[in-house]
N, C-alpha and C. Protein backbone atom coordinates (compact mmCIF):
# COMPACT_ATOMS: atom_id res chain seq x y z
N UNK A 1 133.83 56.07 105.74
CA UNK A 1 134.27 57.14 105.11
C UNK A 1 133.29 57.26 103.67
N UNK A 2 133.04 58.12 103.55
CA UNK A 2 131.70 58.50 102.26
C UNK A 2 132.40 58.29 101.04
N UNK A 3 131.53 57.91 100.00
CA UNK A 3 132.05 57.41 98.83
C UNK A 3 133.12 58.43 98.04
N UNK A 4 132.31 59.92 98.08
CA UNK A 4 132.77 60.86 97.33
C UNK A 4 134.44 61.22 98.08
N UNK A 5 134.40 61.15 99.19
CA UNK A 5 135.82 61.48 100.03
C UNK A 5 136.79 60.13 99.53
N UNK A 6 136.13 59.11 99.14
CA UNK A 6 137.42 57.88 99.14
C UNK A 6 137.69 58.21 97.75
N UNK A 7 137.21 58.34 96.63
CA UNK A 7 137.47 58.49 95.48
C UNK A 7 137.61 59.96 94.86
N UNK A 8 137.79 60.97 95.86
CA UNK A 8 138.09 62.11 95.57
C UNK A 8 139.46 62.58 95.38
N UNK A 9 140.37 61.56 95.76
CA UNK A 9 142.05 61.68 95.29
C UNK A 9 142.04 61.13 93.75
N UNK A 10 142.93 61.89 93.25
CA UNK A 10 142.82 61.00 91.92
C UNK A 10 143.53 60.05 91.72
N UNK A 11 144.65 59.87 92.32
CA UNK A 11 145.39 58.88 92.55
C UNK A 11 144.70 57.55 93.24
N UNK A 12 144.03 57.70 94.09
CA UNK A 12 143.12 56.65 94.80
C UNK A 12 142.27 56.33 94.08
N UNK A 13 141.47 57.10 93.24
CA UNK A 13 140.44 56.70 92.20
C UNK A 13 141.14 55.98 91.27
N UNK A 14 141.89 56.23 90.76
CA UNK A 14 142.85 55.43 89.73
C UNK A 14 143.14 53.96 90.13
N UNK A 15 143.53 54.05 91.49
CA UNK A 15 143.66 52.64 91.77
C UNK A 15 142.53 51.84 92.00
N UNK A 16 141.78 52.52 92.71
CA UNK A 16 140.11 51.87 93.04
C UNK A 16 139.73 51.28 91.92
N UNK A 17 139.59 52.08 90.83
CA UNK A 17 139.11 51.79 89.42
C UNK A 17 140.00 50.61 89.07
N UNK A 18 141.28 50.52 89.10
CA UNK A 18 142.08 49.69 88.64
C UNK A 18 141.88 48.19 89.21
N UNK A 19 141.40 48.11 90.38
CA UNK A 19 140.66 46.87 91.20
C UNK A 19 139.70 46.62 90.89
N UNK A 20 138.66 47.54 90.56
CA UNK A 20 137.44 47.18 90.32
C UNK A 20 137.26 46.42 89.34
N UNK A 21 138.25 47.00 87.73
CA UNK A 21 137.75 46.11 86.46
C UNK A 21 138.78 44.98 86.24
N UNK A 22 140.20 44.97 87.54
CA UNK A 22 141.27 43.74 87.06
C UNK A 22 140.62 42.56 86.97
N UNK A 23 139.70 42.21 87.66
CA UNK A 23 138.81 40.88 88.12
C UNK A 23 139.83 39.76 88.50
N UNK A 24 140.80 40.18 89.22
CA UNK A 24 141.84 39.40 89.63
C UNK A 24 142.35 40.17 90.94
N UNK A 25 142.67 39.34 91.97
CA UNK A 25 143.79 40.84 93.07
C UNK A 25 144.66 41.41 92.63
N UNK A 26 145.07 42.52 93.11
CA UNK A 26 145.65 43.70 92.55
C UNK A 26 146.74 43.85 94.02
N UNK A 27 148.05 44.01 93.67
CA UNK A 27 148.79 44.09 94.70
C UNK A 27 149.46 45.61 94.47
N UNK A 28 149.91 46.57 95.61
CA UNK A 28 150.33 47.48 95.49
C UNK A 28 151.39 47.96 94.71
N UNK A 29 152.27 46.59 94.59
CA UNK A 29 153.57 46.72 93.46
C UNK A 29 153.31 46.64 92.00
N UNK A 30 152.08 45.84 91.90
CA UNK A 30 151.67 46.09 90.71
C UNK A 30 150.82 47.15 89.99
N UNK A 31 150.33 47.44 90.78
CA UNK A 31 149.31 48.93 90.63
C UNK A 31 150.38 49.92 90.45
N UNK A 32 151.62 50.09 91.17
CA UNK A 32 152.36 51.23 90.88
C UNK A 32 153.39 50.99 89.58
N UNK A 33 152.76 49.61 88.83
CA UNK A 33 153.91 49.85 87.57
C UNK A 33 152.90 49.87 86.47
N UNK A 34 151.49 50.83 86.42
CA UNK A 34 150.72 51.18 85.53
C UNK A 34 150.95 52.64 85.06
N UNK A 35 150.92 52.72 84.10
CA UNK A 35 151.46 54.43 83.79
C UNK A 35 150.79 55.32 84.20
N UNK A 36 151.55 56.24 84.66
CA UNK A 36 150.88 57.36 85.31
C UNK A 36 150.47 57.29 86.65
N UNK A 37 150.79 56.01 87.38
CA UNK A 37 151.15 55.70 88.42
C UNK A 37 151.78 56.50 89.71
N UNK A 38 151.34 56.48 90.79
CA UNK A 38 152.33 56.87 91.54
C UNK A 38 153.50 56.40 92.13
N UNK A 39 154.11 56.66 93.35
CA UNK A 39 155.65 55.83 93.62
C UNK A 39 154.44 54.38 94.36
N UNK A 40 155.46 53.86 94.39
CA UNK A 40 154.90 52.53 95.17
C UNK A 40 154.73 52.59 96.61
N UNK A 41 155.28 53.65 97.34
CA UNK A 41 154.76 54.29 98.76
C UNK A 41 153.64 54.85 98.88
N UNK A 42 153.32 55.70 97.61
CA UNK A 42 152.01 56.30 97.68
C UNK A 42 150.56 55.31 97.24
N UNK A 43 151.18 54.27 96.56
CA UNK A 43 150.30 53.35 96.30
C UNK A 43 149.97 52.51 97.60
N UNK A 44 151.08 52.62 98.21
CA UNK A 44 150.71 51.58 99.40
C UNK A 44 149.59 52.37 100.80
N UNK A 45 150.14 53.87 100.70
CA UNK A 45 149.10 54.69 101.43
C UNK A 45 147.91 54.71 100.92
N UNK A 46 147.51 54.81 99.72
CA UNK A 46 146.07 54.78 99.05
C UNK A 46 145.12 53.39 99.29
N UNK A 47 146.07 52.48 99.22
CA UNK A 47 145.50 50.94 99.52
C UNK A 47 145.16 50.86 100.91
N UNK A 48 145.85 51.20 101.65
CA UNK A 48 145.86 51.31 103.41
C UNK A 48 144.41 52.04 103.34
N UNK A 49 144.13 52.97 102.83
CA UNK A 49 142.83 53.83 103.16
C UNK A 49 141.80 53.18 102.54
N UNK A 50 142.04 52.58 101.13
CA UNK A 50 140.70 51.87 100.86
C UNK A 50 140.24 50.54 101.53
N UNK A 51 141.19 50.11 102.10
CA UNK A 51 141.35 48.77 103.18
C UNK A 51 140.53 49.17 104.51
N UNK A 52 140.93 50.42 104.93
CA UNK A 52 140.21 50.72 106.08
C UNK A 52 139.00 51.48 105.95
N UNK A 53 138.72 51.62 104.82
CA UNK A 53 137.14 52.21 104.59
C UNK A 53 136.57 50.93 103.96
N UNK A 54 137.01 50.01 104.07
CA UNK A 54 136.42 48.86 103.62
C UNK A 54 135.72 48.71 102.13
N UNK A 55 136.36 49.25 101.19
CA UNK A 55 136.32 49.36 100.11
C UNK A 55 136.94 48.18 99.24
N UNK A 56 138.12 47.62 99.80
CA UNK A 56 138.88 46.43 99.24
C UNK A 56 139.55 45.30 100.54
N UNK A 57 139.86 44.31 100.37
CA UNK A 57 140.04 43.49 101.22
C UNK A 57 141.16 42.81 100.87
N UNK A 58 141.92 42.37 102.14
CA UNK A 58 143.24 41.73 101.71
C UNK A 58 142.75 39.93 101.25
N UNK A 59 143.37 39.16 100.13
CA UNK A 59 142.91 38.21 99.87
C UNK A 59 144.18 37.00 99.91
N UNK A 60 145.35 37.57 99.50
CA UNK A 60 146.50 36.77 99.53
C UNK A 60 147.78 37.58 99.98
N UNK A 61 148.78 37.02 100.63
CA UNK A 61 149.89 37.54 101.09
C UNK A 61 151.09 36.67 100.51
N UNK A 62 151.95 37.02 99.76
CA UNK A 62 152.90 36.38 99.20
C UNK A 62 154.44 36.56 99.49
N UNK A 63 155.04 36.11 99.91
CA UNK A 63 156.68 36.53 100.30
C UNK A 63 157.61 35.81 99.93
N UNK A 64 158.46 36.74 99.26
CA UNK A 64 159.57 36.49 99.01
C UNK A 64 161.06 37.16 98.98
N UNK A 65 161.96 36.39 99.40
CA UNK A 65 163.42 36.73 99.92
C UNK A 65 162.86 37.85 101.29
N UNK A 66 162.04 37.52 101.71
CA UNK A 66 161.93 38.25 103.24
C UNK A 66 160.86 39.55 103.12
N UNK A 67 160.62 39.82 101.80
CA UNK A 67 159.25 41.21 101.43
C UNK A 67 158.11 40.37 100.98
N UNK A 68 156.98 41.26 101.92
CA UNK A 68 155.62 40.54 101.45
C UNK A 68 155.31 41.43 100.31
N UNK A 69 154.33 40.55 99.79
CA UNK A 69 153.29 41.73 98.77
C UNK A 69 151.97 41.31 98.98
N UNK A 70 151.08 42.27 99.25
CA UNK A 70 149.41 41.73 99.55
C UNK A 70 149.12 42.40 98.13
N UNK A 71 147.89 41.27 98.27
CA UNK A 71 146.78 41.04 96.78
C UNK A 71 145.30 41.64 97.48
N UNK A 72 145.14 42.53 96.96
CA UNK A 72 143.47 43.00 97.04
C UNK A 72 142.44 42.98 96.16
N UNK A 73 141.33 42.56 96.89
CA UNK A 73 139.94 42.38 95.91
C UNK A 73 138.92 43.59 96.49
N UNK A 74 138.00 43.85 95.38
CA UNK A 74 136.80 44.87 95.85
C UNK A 74 135.89 44.16 96.95
N UNK A 75 135.37 44.90 97.81
CA UNK A 75 134.62 44.18 98.90
C UNK A 75 133.34 44.88 98.03
N UNK A 76 132.08 44.37 98.85
CA UNK A 76 130.84 44.63 98.19
C UNK A 76 130.11 45.74 99.16
N UNK A 77 130.94 46.42 99.74
CA UNK A 77 130.47 47.74 100.42
C UNK A 77 129.73 48.83 99.68
N UNK A 78 130.51 49.27 98.42
CA UNK A 78 129.99 49.98 97.69
C UNK A 78 129.45 49.61 96.23
N UNK A 79 128.31 49.70 95.99
CA UNK A 79 127.94 49.23 94.65
C UNK A 79 129.00 49.76 93.09
N UNK A 80 129.44 48.45 92.96
CA UNK A 80 130.45 48.50 91.62
C UNK A 80 130.05 49.64 90.64
N UNK A 81 128.86 49.16 90.15
CA UNK A 81 128.57 50.17 88.96
C UNK A 81 128.32 51.84 89.29
N UNK A 82 128.05 51.82 90.58
CA UNK A 82 127.91 53.45 91.13
C UNK A 82 129.38 54.18 91.15
N UNK A 83 130.27 53.22 91.75
CA UNK A 83 131.57 53.47 91.90
C UNK A 83 132.26 54.02 90.64
N UNK A 84 132.01 53.10 89.63
CA UNK A 84 132.28 53.41 88.32
C UNK A 84 131.62 54.55 87.61
N UNK A 85 130.82 54.77 87.58
CA UNK A 85 130.02 56.10 87.36
C UNK A 85 130.46 57.30 87.82
N UNK A 86 130.76 57.27 89.15
CA UNK A 86 131.03 58.31 90.19
C UNK A 86 132.37 58.67 89.46
N UNK A 87 133.41 57.42 89.09
CA UNK A 87 134.75 57.93 88.94
C UNK A 87 134.84 58.51 87.33
N UNK A 88 133.95 57.63 86.62
CA UNK A 88 134.00 58.71 85.39
C UNK A 88 133.34 59.85 85.28
N UNK A 89 132.60 60.24 86.08
CA UNK A 89 132.18 61.90 86.03
C UNK A 89 132.92 62.28 86.89
N UNK A 90 133.68 61.97 87.81
CA UNK A 90 135.36 62.38 88.07
C UNK A 90 136.33 63.36 86.95
N UNK A 91 136.49 61.94 86.43
CA UNK A 91 137.39 62.12 85.37
C UNK A 91 136.76 62.51 83.96
N UNK A 92 135.75 63.27 83.90
CA UNK A 92 135.32 63.90 82.97
C UNK A 92 134.96 62.72 81.58
N UNK A 93 134.78 61.60 82.24
CA UNK A 93 134.20 60.76 80.99
C UNK A 93 132.87 60.71 80.91
N UNK A 94 132.35 60.27 79.71
CA UNK A 94 130.94 60.22 79.00
C UNK A 94 130.28 59.08 78.96
N UNK A 95 129.54 58.51 79.29
CA UNK A 95 128.94 57.07 79.28
C UNK A 95 128.72 56.95 77.77
N UNK A 96 128.17 55.75 77.50
CA UNK A 96 127.69 55.49 76.16
C UNK A 96 126.31 56.15 75.44
N UNK A 97 126.77 56.51 74.14
CA UNK A 97 125.56 57.55 73.75
C UNK A 97 124.00 56.70 73.79
N UNK A 98 122.96 57.29 74.21
CA UNK A 98 121.87 56.64 74.42
C UNK A 98 121.37 56.14 73.00
N UNK A 99 120.76 54.81 72.94
CA UNK A 99 120.22 54.63 71.42
C UNK A 99 118.99 55.17 70.86
N UNK A 100 118.94 55.51 70.00
CA UNK A 100 117.98 56.48 69.14
C UNK A 100 117.05 55.69 68.40
N UNK A 101 115.65 55.93 68.52
CA UNK A 101 114.78 55.32 67.69
C UNK A 101 115.15 55.42 65.87
N UNK A 102 114.95 54.55 65.29
CA UNK A 102 115.44 54.50 63.80
C UNK A 102 114.16 54.51 63.21
N UNK A 103 114.16 55.44 62.36
CA UNK A 103 112.87 55.65 61.26
C UNK A 103 112.55 54.39 60.38
């Protein structure tokens, strides 16, 4: 899957950004608790799309009372900075102001 298709969906884009910036593995359950996040079943779907595109990888599985929670981290398939730049452009964010020469 091409990167622009992968981050074209706003919910998947938000989820992928969360995983990239987290610094630690993220589960669908954790991601669904974020403000503005879609329902857990939708987060699970988008997590699966990211996994099938090799954008994230399964790093841990925890079992509690018969339920499983899967934790994912980003892979190196896509350049992290390039992804974050594209996500920022799609979300209408602007980068930092360029430094200007001072007289």
